[in-house]
C-alpha atoms as a PDB file:
ATOM      1  CA  MET A   1      88.509  83.205  68.551  1.00  0.00           C
ATOM      2  CA  THR A   2      88.834  84.351  72.036  1.00  0.00           C
ATOM      3  CA  THR A   3      91.635  86.853  72.384  1.00  0.00           C
ATOM      4  CA  THR A   4      93.739  88.282  75.067  1.00  0.00           C
ATOM      5  CA  SER A   5      95.766  91.495  75.148  1.00  0.00           C
ATOM      6  CA  ALA A   6      99.303  91.757  73.713  1.00  0.00           C
ATOM      7  CA  LEU A   7     102.047  90.401  75.963  1.00  0.00           C
ATOM      8  CA  PRO A   8     103.503  92.932  78.327  1.00  0.00           C
ATOM      9  CA  PHE A   9     106.338  94.779  76.600  1.00  0.00           C
ATOM     10  CA  ASN A  10     108.538  94.828  79.722  1.00  0.00           C
ATOM     11  CA  MET A  11     108.400  91.173  79.915  1.00  0.00           C
ATOM     12  CA  LEU A  12     109.288  90.696  76.309  1.00  0.00           C
ATOM     13  CA  ASP A  13     112.163  93.202  76.924  1.00  0.00           C
ATOM     14  CA  GLY A  14     113.370  91.120  79.840  1.00  0.00           C
ATOM     15  CA  ILE A  15     113.340  87.905  77.864  1.00  0.00           C
ATOM     16  CA  ARG A  16     115.401  89.584  75.167  1.00  0.00           C
ATOM     17  CA  LYS A  17     117.910  90.861  77.676  1.00  0.00           C
ATOM     18  CA  SER A  18     118.328  87.368  79.074  1.00  0.00           C
ATOM     19  CA  GLY A  19     119.902  86.426  75.740  1.00  0.00           C
ATOM     20  CA  ILE A  20     116.841  84.763  74.180  1.00  0.00           C
ATOM     21  CA  ASP A  21     116.195  85.632  70.527  1.00  0.00           C
ATOM     22  CA  LEU A  22     112.381  86.771  70.389  1.00  0.00           C
ATOM     23  CA  ALA A  23     112.169  86.115  66.693  1.00  0.00           C
ATOM     24  CA  VAL A  24     113.422  82.508  67.194  1.00  0.00           C
ATOM     25  CA  LEU A  25     111.176  82.068  70.218  1.00  0.00           C
ATOM     26  CA  ALA A  26     108.170  83.339  68.240  1.00  0.00           C
ATOM     27  CA  ARG A  27     108.910  81.064  65.269  1.00  0.00           C
ATOM     28  CA  LYS A  28     109.163  77.986  67.478  1.00  0.00           C
ATOM     29  CA  ALA A  29     105.759  78.931  68.869  1.00  0.00           C
ATOM     30  CA  GLY A  30     104.413  79.133  65.348  1.00  0.00           C
ATOM     31  CA  LEU A  31     104.104  82.972  65.469  1.00  0.00           C
ATOM     32  CA  SER A  32     105.873  85.950  64.083  1.00  0.00           C
ATOM     33  CA  LEU A  33     107.813  88.644  65.911  1.00  0.00           C
ATOM     34  CA  ASN A  34     105.041  91.118  65.132  1.00  0.00           C
ATOM     35  CA  ASP A  35     102.411  88.599  66.540  1.00  0.00           C
ATOM     36  CA  LEU A  36     103.979  89.153  69.982  1.00  0.00           C
ATOM     37  CA  ARG A  37     102.841  92.719  69.944  1.00  0.00           C
ATOM     38  CA  THR A  38      99.256  91.967  69.034  1.00  0.00           C
ATOM     39  CA  PRO A  39      96.412  90.260  70.885  1.00  0.00           C
ATOM     40  CA  LEU A  40      96.919  86.507  71.030  1.00  0.00           C
ATOM     41  CA  SER A  41      94.474  83.639  71.473  1.00  0.00           C
ATOM     42  CA  ALA A  42      94.792  81.695  74.745  1.00  0.00           C
ATOM     43  CA  GLU A  43      96.254  78.803  72.698  1.00  0.00           C
ATOM     44  CA  GLN A  44      98.903  81.005  71.024  1.00  0.00           C
ATOM     45  CA  ALA A  45      99.914  82.597  74.389  1.00  0.00           C
ATOM     46  CA  ASP A  46     100.212  79.172  75.965  1.00  0.00           C
ATOM     47  CA  ARG A  47     102.486  78.097  73.019  1.00  0.00           C
ATOM     48  CA  PHE A  48     104.596  80.924  73.415  1.00  0.00           C
ATOM     49  CA  PHE A  49     105.016  80.614  77.215  1.00  0.00           C
ATOM     50  CA  VAL A  50     105.752  76.947  77.011  1.00  0.00           C
ATOM     51  CA  VAL A  51     108.495  77.562  74.404  1.00  0.00           C
ATOM     52  CA  ALA A  52     109.926  80.593  76.341  1.00  0.00           C
ATOM     53  CA  TYR A  53     110.037  78.541  79.547  1.00  0.00           C
ATOM     54  CA  GLU A  54     111.820  75.587  77.847  1.00  0.00           C
ATOM     55  CA  GLN A  55     114.238  77.876  76.043  1.00  0.00           C
ATOM     56  CA  ALA A  56     115.264  79.678  79.365  1.00  0.00           C
ATOM     57  CA  ALA A  57     116.107  76.390  80.950  1.00  0.00           C
ATOM     58  CA  ASP A  58     115.963  78.090  84.340  1.00  0.00           C
ATOM     59  CA  PRO A  59     112.970  77.422  86.565  1.00  0.00           C
ATOM     60  CA  SER A  60     113.718  80.527  88.580  1.00  0.00           C
ATOM     61  CA  ILE A  61     113.684  82.926  85.585  1.00  0.00           C
ATOM     62  CA  GLY A  62     110.406  84.456  86.677  1.00  0.00           C
ATOM     63  CA  LEU A  63     112.085  86.020  89.651  1.00  0.00           C
ATOM     64  CA  ALA A  64     114.520  87.721  87.506  1.00  0.00           C
ATOM     65  CA  LEU A  65     111.971  88.897  84.981  1.00  0.00           C
ATOM     66  CA  GLY A  66     109.573  90.224  87.615  1.00  0.00           C
ATOM     67  CA  LEU A  67     112.283  92.176  89.489  1.00  0.00           C
ATOM     68  CA  GLN A  68     114.323  93.380  86.456  1.00  0.00           C
ATOM     69  CA  PRO A  69     114.616  97.210  86.104  1.00  0.00           C
ATOM     70  CA  MET A  70     111.390  98.623  84.588  1.00  0.00           C
ATOM     71  CA  ARG A  71     111.138 100.717  81.564  1.00  0.00           C
ATOM     72  CA  PRO A  72     108.101 103.102  81.963  1.00  0.00           C
ATOM     73  CA  GLU A  73     108.149 103.933  78.296  1.00  0.00           C
ATOM     74  CA  LEU A  74     107.172 100.334  77.599  1.00  0.00           C
ATOM     75  CA  PHE A  75     104.081 100.638  79.759  1.00  0.00           C
ATOM     76  CA  GLY A  76     100.605 100.406  78.199  1.00  0.00           C
ATOM     77  CA  VAL A  77      97.513 102.141  79.475  1.00  0.00           C
ATOM     78  CA  VAL A  78      97.439  99.918  82.633  1.00  0.00           C
ATOM     79  CA  GLY A  79     100.981 100.906  83.623  1.00  0.00           C
ATOM     80  CA  PHE A  80     100.446 104.580  82.882  1.00  0.00           C
ATOM     81  CA  SER A  81      97.152 104.790  84.771  1.00  0.00           C
ATOM     82  CA  ALA A  82      98.807 103.100  87.784  1.00  0.00           C
ATOM     83  CA  MET A  83     102.015 105.205  87.787  1.00  0.00           C
ATOM     84  CA  THR A  84     100.127 108.588  87.627  1.00  0.00           C
ATOM     85  CA  SER A  85      98.026 107.509  90.723  1.00  0.00           C
ATOM     86  CA  GLY A  86      98.415 109.447  93.950  1.00  0.00           C
ATOM     87  CA  ASN A  87      99.814 106.575  96.135  1.00  0.00           C
ATOM     88  CA  PHE A  88     100.835 102.975  96.049  1.00  0.00           C
ATOM     89  CA  GLY A  89      97.398 101.823  97.268  1.00  0.00           C
ATOM     90  CA  ALA A  90      95.592 103.639  94.433  1.00  0.00           C
ATOM     91  CA  ALA A  91      98.073 102.295  91.949  1.00  0.00           C
ATOM     92  CA  LEU A  92      97.544  98.627  93.245  1.00  0.00           C
ATOM     93  CA  ALA A  93      93.758  99.188  93.002  1.00  0.00           C
ATOM     94  CA  ARG A  94      93.951 100.247  89.368  1.00  0.00           C
ATOM     95  CA  ILE A  95      96.346  97.394  88.453  1.00  0.00           C
ATOM     96  CA  ALA A  96      93.845  94.928  90.017  1.00  0.00           C
ATOM     97  CA  ARG A  97      90.943  96.512  88.046  1.00  0.00           C
ATOM     98  CA  TYR A  98      92.662  96.691  84.822  1.00  0.00           C
ATOM     99  CA  ASN A  99      94.993  93.751  84.890  1.00  0.00           C
ATOM    100  CA  ALA A 100      92.799  91.706  82.592  1.00  0.00           C
ATOM    101  CA  LEU A 101      93.961  93.951  79.782  1.00  0.00           C
ATOM    102  CA  VAL A 102      97.624  92.715  80.051  1.00  0.00           C
ATOM    103  CA  SER A 103      97.503  89.367  81.828  1.00  0.00           C
ATOM    104  CA  ALA A 104      95.441  86.261  82.296  1.00  0.00           C
ATOM    105  CA  CYS A 105      95.590  86.642  86.111  1.00  0.00           C
ATOM    106  CA  GLU A 106      93.143  88.204  88.437  1.00  0.00           C
ATOM    107  CA  LEU A 107      94.244  90.339  91.395  1.00  0.00           C
ATOM    108  CA  ASP A 108      92.351  90.790  94.657  1.00  0.00           C
ATOM    109  CA  ILE A 109      93.368  93.137  97.391  1.00  0.00           C
ATOM    110  CA  VAL A 110      92.534  91.895 100.938  1.00  0.00           C
ATOM    111  CA  LEU A 111      93.054  94.406 103.713  1.00  0.00           C
ATOM    112  CA  THR A 112      93.256  93.966 107.468  1.00  0.00           C
ATOM    113  CA  ALA A 113      94.287  96.378 110.159  1.00  0.00           C
ATOM    114  CA  ASP A 114      97.966  96.050 109.414  1.00  0.00           C
ATOM    115  CA  GLU A 115      98.259  94.140 106.198  1.00  0.00           C
ATOM    116  CA  ALA A 116      97.460  94.500 102.479  1.00  0.00           C
ATOM    117  CA  ALA A 117      97.474  91.103 100.747  1.00  0.00           C
ATOM    118  CA  VAL A 118      97.454  91.168  96.836  1.00  0.00           C
ATOM    119  CA  ARG A 119      96.180  87.793  95.996  1.00  0.00           C
ATOM    120  CA  VAL A 120      97.057  86.511  92.517  1.00  0.00           C
ATOM    121  CA  ARG A 121      94.769  84.010  90.864  1.00  0.00           C
ATOM    122  CA  TYR A 122      95.080  82.138  87.503  1.00  0.00           C
ATOM    123  CA  ASP A 123      92.211  80.151  86.202  1.00  0.00           C
ATOM    124  CA  GLY A 124      92.685  77.098  84.051  1.00  0.00           C
ATOM    125  CA  PRO A 125      94.850  74.028  84.153  1.00  0.00           C
ATOM    126  CA  ASP A 126      98.302  74.017  85.721  1.00  0.00           C
ATOM    127  CA  ARG A 127     101.038  74.493  83.063  1.00  0.00           C
ATOM    128  CA  PRO A 128     104.856  73.975  83.084  1.00  0.00           C
ATOM    129  CA  TYR A 129     105.342  77.762  83.434  1.00  0.00           C
ATOM    130  CA  SER A 130     102.624  78.364  86.113  1.00  0.00           C
ATOM    131  CA  ARG A 131     105.115  78.960  88.913  1.00  0.00           C
ATOM    132  CA  CYS A 132     107.180  81.219  86.710  1.00  0.00           C
ATOM    133  CA  ARG A 133     104.211  83.243  85.781  1.00  0.00           C
ATOM    134  CA  MET A 134     103.320  83.684  89.444  1.00  0.00           C
ATOM    135  CA  ASP A 135     106.932  84.775  90.230  1.00  0.00           C
ATOM    136  CA  ILE A 136     106.785  87.381  87.407  1.00  0.00           C
ATOM    137  CA  GLN A 137     103.505  88.864  88.695  1.00  0.00           C
ATOM    138  CA  MET A 138     104.509  89.232  92.295  1.00  0.00           C
ATOM    139  CA  GLY A 139     107.996  90.527  91.350  1.00  0.00           C
ATOM    140  CA  THR A 140     106.401  93.078  89.061  1.00  0.00           C
ATOM    141  CA  LEU A 141     104.115  94.479  91.880  1.00  0.00           C
ATOM    142  CA  LEU A 142     107.047  94.911  94.258  1.00  0.00           C
ATOM    143  CA  ASN A 143     109.232  96.352  91.561  1.00  0.00           C
ATOM    144  CA  PHE A 144     106.619  98.809  90.512  1.00  0.00           C
ATOM    145  CA  GLY A 145     106.077  99.997  94.156  1.00  0.00           C
ATOM    146  CA  ARG A 146     109.872 100.401  94.764  1.00  0.00           C
ATOM    147  CA  LEU A 147     110.333 102.326  91.564  1.00  0.00           C
ATOM    148  CA  PHE A 148     107.540 104.830  91.838  1.00  0.00           C
ATOM    149  CA  THR A 149     107.503 105.435  95.521  1.00  0.00           C
ATOM    150  CA  GLU A 150     111.458 105.621  95.617  1.00  0.00           C
ATOM    151  CA  GLN A 151     111.183 103.570  98.831  1.00  0.00           C
ATOM    152  CA  GLN A 152     112.783 100.222  99.420  1.00  0.00           C
ATOM    153  CA  ILE A 153     109.525  98.474 100.157  1.00  0.00           C
ATOM    154  CA  VAL A 154     109.952  95.170 101.788  1.00  0.00           C
ATOM    155  CA  PRO A 155     106.899  92.831 101.892  1.00  0.00           C
ATOM    156  CA  LEU A 156     105.900  91.189 105.109  1.00  0.00           C
ATOM    157  CA  ARG A 157     105.907  87.746 103.404  1.00  0.00           C
ATOM    158  CA  LEU A 158     104.965  85.840 100.255  1.00  0.00           C
ATOM    159  CA  SER A 159     102.269  83.283 100.474  1.00  0.00           C
ATOM    160  CA  LEU A 160     102.564  80.453  97.808  1.00  0.00           C
ATOM    161  CA  LYS A 161     100.415  77.470  96.849  1.00  0.00           C
ATOM    162  CA  GLY A 162     102.062  74.143  96.307  1.00  0.00           C
ATOM    163  CA  ASP A 163     105.423  72.755  97.343  1.00  0.00           C
ATOM    164  CA  ALA A 164     108.563  74.764  97.651  1.00  0.00           C
ATOM    165  CA  PRO A 165     110.485  74.616  94.367  1.00  0.00           C
ATOM    166  CA  PRO A 166     114.199  73.706  94.206  1.00  0.00           C
ATOM    167  CA  TYR A 167     115.080  77.489  94.120  1.00  0.00           C
ATOM    168  CA  HIS A 168     112.972  78.319  97.174  1.00  0.00           C
ATOM    169  CA  ALA A 169     115.819  80.126  98.948  1.00  0.00           C
ATOM    170  CA  ARG A 170     115.993  82.682  96.275  1.00  0.00           C
ATOM    171  CA  TYR A 171     112.574  84.204  97.241  1.00  0.00           C
ATOM    172  CA  ALA A 172     113.883  85.556 100.504  1.00  0.00           C
ATOM    173  CA  GLU A 173     116.997  86.602  98.814  1.00  0.00           C
ATOM    174  CA  MET A 174     115.198  88.623  96.071  1.00  0.00           C
ATOM    175  CA  PHE A 175     112.098  89.842  97.836  1.00  0.00           C
ATOM    176  CA  GLY A 176     113.746  90.379 101.308  1.00  0.00           C
ATOM    177  CA  CYS A 177     110.933  88.622 103.157  1.00  0.00           C
ATOM    178  CA  PRO A 178     109.973  85.027 104.226  1.00  0.00           C
ATOM    179  CA  ALA A 179     108.241  82.814 101.547  1.00  0.00           C
ATOM    180  CA  LEU A 180     105.569  80.388 102.945  1.00  0.00           C
ATOM    181  CA  PHE A 181     104.652  77.437 100.745  1.00  0.00           C
ATOM    182  CA  ASP A 182     101.657  75.034 100.741  1.00  0.00           C
ATOM    183  CA  GLN A 183      99.375  78.026 101.466  1.00  0.00           C
ATOM    184  CA  ALA A 184      95.726  78.533 100.557  1.00  0.00           C
ATOM    185  CA  HIS A 185      96.401  81.425  98.313  1.00  0.00           C
ATOM    186  CA  ASP A 186      99.210  82.997  96.193  1.00  0.00           C
ATOM    187  CA  ALA A 187      99.760  86.450  97.569  1.00  0.00           C
ATOM    188  CA  ILE A 188     102.353  89.087  98.180  1.00  0.00           C
ATOM    189  CA  VAL A 189     101.545  90.739 101.573  1.00  0.00           C
ATOM    190  CA  PHE A 190     102.552  94.402 102.152  1.00  0.00           C
ATOM    191  CA  ARG A 191     102.248  96.520 105.265  1.00  0.00           C
ATOM    192  CA  ARG A 192      98.993  98.491 105.250  1.00  0.00           C
ATOM    193  CA  SER A 193     100.998 101.644 105.755  1.00  0.00           C
ATOM    194  CA  ASP A 194     102.804 100.906 102.434  1.00  0.00           C
ATOM    195  CA  LEU A 195      99.592 101.809 100.629  1.00  0.00           C
ATOM    196  CA  ALA A 196      99.808 105.420 101.704  1.00  0.00           C
ATOM    197  CA  LEU A 197     103.312 105.887 100.180  1.00  0.00           C
ATOM    198  CA  PRO A 198     102.992 108.737  97.599  1.00  0.00           C
ATOM    199  CA  LEU A 199     104.181 108.077  94.024  1.00  0.00           C
ATOM    200  CA  VAL A 200     106.699 110.385  92.594  1.00  0.00           C
ATOM    201  CA  SER A 201     104.961 110.084  89.229  1.00  0.00           C
ATOM    202  CA  ALA A 202     101.674 111.119  90.497  1.00  0.00           C
ATOM    203  CA  ASN A 203      99.732 113.537  88.166  1.00  0.00           C
ATOM    204  CA  PRO A 204      95.989 113.860  88.873  1.00  0.00           C
ATOM    205  CA  ALA A 205      95.100 115.514  85.623  1.00  0.00           C
ATOM    206  CA  VAL A 206      96.971 112.977  83.435  1.00  0.00           C
ATOM    207  CA  SER A 207      95.832 110.189  85.700  1.00  0.00           C
ATOM    208  CA  ALA A 208      92.146 110.875  84.900  1.00  0.00           C
ATOM    209  CA  LEU A 209      92.877 110.644  81.230  1.00  0.00           C
ATOM    210  CA  PHE A 210      94.563 107.238  81.512  1.00  0.00           C
ATOM    211  CA  GLU A 211      91.769 106.035  83.758  1.00  0.00           C
ATOM    212  CA  ASP A 212      89.287 106.941  81.166  1.00  0.00           C
ATOM    213  CA  ALA A 213      91.322 105.140  78.425  1.00  0.00           C
ATOM    214  CA  ALA A 214      91.665 102.142  80.657  1.00  0.00           C
ATOM    215  CA  GLU A 215      87.984 102.024  81.308  1.00  0.00           C
ATOM    216  CA  ARG A 216      87.189 102.159  77.667  1.00  0.00           C
ATOM    217  CA  ASP A 217      89.647  99.339  76.929  1.00  0.00           C
ATOM    218  CA  LEU A 218      88.208  97.322  79.718  1.00  0.00           C
ATOM    219  CA  VAL A 219      84.711  97.649  78.298  1.00  0.00           C
ATOM    220  CA  THR A 220      85.974  96.513  74.878  1.00  0.00           C
ATOM    221  CA  HIS A 221      87.844  93.592  76.543  1.00  0.00           C
ATOM    222  CA  HIS A 222      84.644  92.454  78.398  1.00  0.00           C
ATOM    223  CA  MET A 223      82.569  92.827  75.257  1.00  0.00           C
ATOM    224  CA  ARG A 224      84.968  90.535  73.324  1.00  0.00           C
ATOM    225  CA  HIS A 225      85.101  87.936  76.117  1.00  0.00           C
ATOM    226  CA  ASP A 226      81.794  88.078  77.991  1.00  0.00           C
ATOM    227  CA  THR A 227      78.839  90.338  76.989  1.00  0.00           C
ATOM    228  CA  ALA A 228      77.029  89.526  80.241  1.00  0.00           C
ATOM    229  CA  HIS A 229      79.846  90.643  82.333  1.00  0.00           C
ATOM    230  CA  ALA A 230      80.097  93.898  80.364  1.00  0.00           C
ATOM    231  CA  VAL A 231      76.378  94.609  80.514  1.00  0.00           C
ATOM    232  CA  ARG A 232      76.227  93.868  84.359  1.00  0.00           C
ATOM    233  CA  ASP A 233      79.233  96.178  84.884  1.00  0.00           C
ATOM    234  CA  ALA A 234      77.518  98.960  82.917  1.00  0.00           C
ATOM    235  CA  LEU A 235      74.254  98.514  84.826  1.00  0.00           C
ATOM    236  CA  ARG A 236      76.054  98.774  88.170  1.00  0.00           C
ATOM    237  CA  GLN A 237      77.505 102.170  86.981  1.00  0.00           C
ATOM    238  CA  LEU A 238      74.151 103.453  85.702  1.00  0.00           C
ATOM    239  CA  LEU A 239      71.685 102.043  88.312  1.00  0.00           C
ATOM    240  CA  HIS A 240      71.376 104.861  90.714  1.00  0.00           C
ATOM    241  CA  GLY A 241      67.821 106.166  90.812  1.00  0.00           C
ATOM    242  CA  ASP A 242      66.850 105.895  87.126  1.00  0.00           C
ATOM    243  CA  LEU A 243      66.205 102.612  85.374  1.00  0.00           C
ATOM    244  CA  PRO A 244      68.743 102.230  82.675  1.00  0.00           C
ATOM    245  CA  SER A 245      67.493 101.305  79.121  1.00  0.00           C
ATOM    246  CA  ILE A 246      69.191  98.941  76.857  1.00  0.00           C
ATOM    247  CA  GLU A 247      70.003 102.064  74.696  1.00  0.00           C
ATOM    248  CA  GLN A 248      71.872 103.659  77.559  1.00  0.00           C
ATOM    249  CA  VAL A 249      73.740 100.555  78.315  1.00  0.00           C
ATOM    250  CA  ALA A 250      74.814 100.101  74.686  1.00  0.00           C
ATOM    251  CA  GLY A 251      76.004 103.768  74.803  1.00  0.00           C
ATOM    252  CA  ALA A 252      78.061 103.097  77.870  1.00  0.00           C
ATOM    253  CA  LEU A 253      79.607 100.055  76.092  1.00  0.00           C
ATOM    254  CA  CYS A 254      80.369 102.184  73.011  1.00  0.00           C
ATOM    255  CA  VAL A 255      78.224  99.889  70.755  1.00  0.00           C
ATOM    256  CA  SER A 256      74.884 100.349  69.062  1.00  0.00           C
ATOM    257  CA  GLU A 257      71.714  99.117  70.536  1.00  0.00           C
ATOM    258  CA  ARG A 258      71.298  96.693  67.657  1.00  0.00           C
ATOM    259  CA  THR A 259      74.797  95.316  68.105  1.00  0.00           C
ATOM    260  CA  LEU A 260      74.266  94.748  71.794  1.00  0.00           C
ATOM    261  CA  GLN A 261      70.925  93.067  71.213  1.00  0.00           C
ATOM    262  CA  ARG A 262      72.592  90.805  68.611  1.00  0.00           C
ATOM    263  CA  ARG A 263      75.395  89.841  71.003  1.00  0.00           C
ATOM    264  CA  LEU A 264      72.902  89.170  73.848  1.00  0.00           C
ATOM    265  CA  ALA A 265      70.783  86.966  71.527  1.00  0.00           C
ATOM    266  CA  ARG A 266      73.899  85.037  70.332  1.00  0.00           C
ATOM    267  CA  GLU A 267      74.826  84.183  73.903  1.00  0.00           C
ATOM    268  CA  GLY A 268      71.288  83.309  74.835  1.00  0.00           C
ATOM    269  CA  LEU A 269      70.888  86.325  77.186  1.00  0.00           C
ATOM    270  CA  GLN A 270      67.956  88.673  77.999  1.00  0.00           C
ATOM    271  CA  PHE A 271      68.595  92.247  78.981  1.00  0.00           C
ATOM    272  CA  SER A 272      65.664  92.131  81.412  1.00  0.00           C
ATOM    273  CA  ALA A 273      67.154  89.095  83.188  1.00  0.00           C
ATOM    274  CA  LEU A 274      70.557  90.753  83.565  1.00  0.00           C
ATOM    275  CA  LEU A 275      68.908  93.867  84.868  1.00  0.00           C
ATOM    276  CA  ASP A 276      67.059  91.814  87.530  1.00  0.00           C
ATOM    277  CA  GLU A 277      70.336  90.091  88.574  1.00  0.00           C
ATOM    278  CA  VAL A 278      72.027  93.463  89.058  1.00  0.00           C
ATOM    279  CA  ARG A 279      69.040  94.777  90.968  1.00  0.00           C
ATOM    280  CA  LEU A 280      68.994  91.852  93.296  1.00  0.00           C
ATOM    281  CA  GLU A 281      72.735  91.990  93.833  1.00  0.00           C
ATOM    282  CA  MET A 282      72.636  95.746  94.664  1.00  0.00           C
ATOM    283  CA  ALA A 283      69.444  95.313  96.843  1.00  0.00           C
ATOM    284  CA  ARG A 284      71.251  92.760  98.927  1.00  0.00           C
ATOM    285  CA  ARG A 285      74.264  94.957  99.197  1.00  0.00           C
ATOM    286  CA  TYR A 286      72.168  98.030 100.374  1.00  0.00           C
ATOM    287  CA  LEU A 287      70.083  95.827 102.775  1.00  0.00           C
ATOM    288  CA  ALA A 288      73.224  94.279 104.304  1.00  0.00           C
ATOM    289  CA  ALA A 289      74.829  97.755 104.763  1.00  0.00           C
ATOM    290  CA  GLY A 290      71.835  98.731 106.867  1.00  0.00           C
ATOM    291  CA  ARG A 291      72.133 102.490 106.227  1.00  0.00           C
ATOM    292  CA  ALA A 292      69.316 103.035 103.683  1.00  0.00           C
ATOM    293  CA  SER A 293      65.649 102.684 104.301  1.00  0.00           C
ATOM    294  CA  LEU A 294      63.576 100.289 102.205  1.00  0.00           C
ATOM    295  CA  THR A 295      61.980 103.255 100.382  1.00  0.00           C
ATOM    296  CA  GLU A 296      65.420 104.691  99.690  1.00  0.00           C
ATOM    297  CA  ILE A 297      66.657 101.322  98.269  1.00  0.00           C
ATOM    298  CA  ALA A 298      63.535 101.071  96.145  1.00  0.00           C
ATOM    299  CA  TYR A 299      64.290 104.484  94.579  1.00  0.00           C
ATOM    300  CA  LEU A 300      68.054 103.690  94.106  1.00  0.00           C
ATOM    301  CA  LEU A 301      67.095 100.549  92.230  1.00  0.00           C
ATOM    302  CA  GLY A 302      64.816 102.424  89.836  1.00  0.00           C
ATOM    303  CA  PHE A 303      61.461 101.188  91.093  1.00  0.00           C
ATOM    304  CA  VAL A 304      58.426 103.421  90.762  1.00  0.00           C
ATOM    305  CA  ASP A 305      57.292 102.803  94.356  1.00  0.00           C
ATOM    306  CA  PRO A 306      58.330 100.622  97.368  1.00  0.00           C
ATOM    307  CA  ASN A 307      55.547  98.057  96.749  1.00  0.00           C
ATOM    308  CA  SER A 308      56.964  97.238  93.331  1.00  0.00           C
ATOM    309  CA  PHE A 309      60.393  96.628  94.957  1.00  0.00           C
ATOM    310  CA  PHE A 310      58.795  94.411  97.718  1.00  0.00           C
ATOM    311  CA  ARG A 311      56.989  92.346  95.271  1.00  0.00           C
ATOM    312  CA  SER A 312      60.121  91.900  92.932  1.00  0.00           C
ATOM    313  CA  PHE A 313      62.434  91.136  95.865  1.00  0.00           C
ATOM    314  CA  LYS A 314      60.053  88.434  97.269  1.00  0.00           C
ATOM    315  CA  ARG A 315      59.705  86.938  93.674  1.00  0.00           C
ATOM    316  CA  TRP A 316      63.543  86.820  93.454  1.00  0.00           C
ATOM    317  CA  THR A 317      64.352  85.423  96.972  1.00  0.00           C
ATOM    318  CA  GLY A 318      61.074  84.247  98.523  1.00  0.00           C
ATOM    319  CA  LYS A 319      61.491  86.760 101.332  1.00  0.00           C
ATOM    320  CA  THR A 320      60.466  90.342 101.669  1.00  0.00           C
ATOM    321  CA  PRO A 321      63.300  92.851 101.961  1.00  0.00           C
ATOM    322  CA  ALA A 322      62.482  93.403 105.660  1.00  0.00           C
ATOM    323  CA  ASP A 323      62.635  89.631 106.368  1.00  0.00           C
ATOM    324  CA  TRP A 324      65.891  89.276 104.450  1.00  0.00           C
ATOM    325  CA  ARG A 325      67.501  92.189 106.398  1.00  0.00           C
ATOM    326  CA  GLN A 326      66.311  90.761 109.686  1.00  0.00           C
ATOM    327  CA  HIS A 327      67.754  87.424 108.820  1.00  0.00           C
ATOM    328  CA  GLN A 328      70.995  88.942 107.958  1.00  0.00           C
ATOM    329  CA  ASP A 329      71.112  90.793 111.353  1.00  0.00           C
ATOM    330  CA  GLU A 330      70.301  87.645 113.261  1.00  0.00           C
ATOM    331  CA  SER A 331      72.986  85.465 111.518  1.00  0.00           C
ATOM    332  CA  ALA A 332      75.666  88.131 111.934  1.00  0.00           C
ATOM    333  CA  PRO A 333      78.438  87.407 114.533  1.00  0.00           C
ATOM    334  CA  LYS A 334      77.465  88.555 118.027  1.00  0.00           C
ATOM    335  CA  PRO A 335      79.684  91.403 119.606  1.00  0.00           C
ATOM    336  CA  LYS A 336      82.439  90.093 121.851  1.00  0.00           C
ATOM    337  CA  THR A 337      82.173  90.633 125.589  1.00  0.00           C
ATOM    338  CA  ARG A 338      84.380  93.438 127.062  1.00  0.00           C
ATOM    339  CA  ALA A 339      86.761  90.817 128.479  1.00  0.00           C
ATOM    340  CA  SER A 340      87.253  89.064 125.104  1.00  0.00           C
ATOM    341  CA  SER A 341      87.611  92.455 123.424  1.00  0.00           C
ATOM    342  CA  ARG A 342      90.486  93.315 125.714  1.00  0.00           C
ATOM    343  CA  ARG A 343      92.168  90.021 124.905  1.00  0.00           C
ATOM    344  CA  GLN A 344      91.780  90.543 121.166  1.00  0.00           C
ATOM    345  CA  SER A 345      92.236  94.328 120.954  1.00  0.00           C
ATOM    346  CA  ARG A 346      94.609  93.884 118.015  1.00  0.00           C
ATOM    347  CA  PRO A 347      92.956  92.228 114.973  1.00  0.00           C
ATOM    348  CA  VAL A 348      94.656  89.067 113.867  1.00  0.00           C
ATOM    349  CA  ALA A 349      94.960  88.575 110.082  1.00  0.00           C
ATOM    350  CA  ALA A 350      94.232  85.236 108.693  1.00  0.00           C
ATOM    351  CA  ALA A 351      97.102  84.031 106.403  1.00  0.00           C
ATOM    352  CA  PRO A 352      96.235  85.194 102.836  1.00  0.00           C
END
């Protein structure tokens, strides 16, 4: 059975404070109260959210739950890792990296000269509670920033997919910014300068401990859900000059080599093919960056000599590394003329 992490305790606490009996809610979803604090299958979590949304009988409840007073003592490793970060930007980066441990959503941070858009993405079919879940996530991000910076952060705007709900006026009331609907992405957009706001809870020594714990939990999470993802992630961390062995990757994933081989075989995967995928991915990144020579890239990717790298790259792509880099350079946007640069001296951010 595919599992997710336990439901966020702050959310459960908010549901309880809204007057809903969690034990009754769990029973209606075919669960026990203790089940709510343990990893649930996707089906179990869906049943719980459907019942909770129906029981609340308030389509806008996600706004209240997301912006309710936070209780840091209910945080898990993701929350503690974020709150001990140095500033709001570092905290958001950690939440985005580790959010899979506490939520089914994925977060992407898109930066421009003046803005920092945190895009929220949920895969899977639309559900009755989908909008509510988005409201909770965006409210939680803002609530976190205000609590731990001790600044009344006001987002520039909310960007929301789909039509405006009946309670659309409450977004501006509760977030203090415009809410735009029928947008390409769901996002809460902060000022770029907000990222530099220091956290009053910053603690570098403790932060490192929580980051290590979150990384271990993330590895375990990926191994439960997607062995290929976990192996690729480990290879990216290890592939910096020496060619990682399957034994080294297994060690990084905290499993035995035999266990890793068994999981790869069960999913029809080959370690050598995953290694080639990561080498190609990193080769393209290095080539596109343009800072390293071809010989340096060959070394970074663990090839014994440049010729081995050239042959492998041509086998993977049909082009030599030099040809691929030249094609990238030719297809890159041409520099603006001096006149057009003056007209567009201030970058204009696309709507997130």
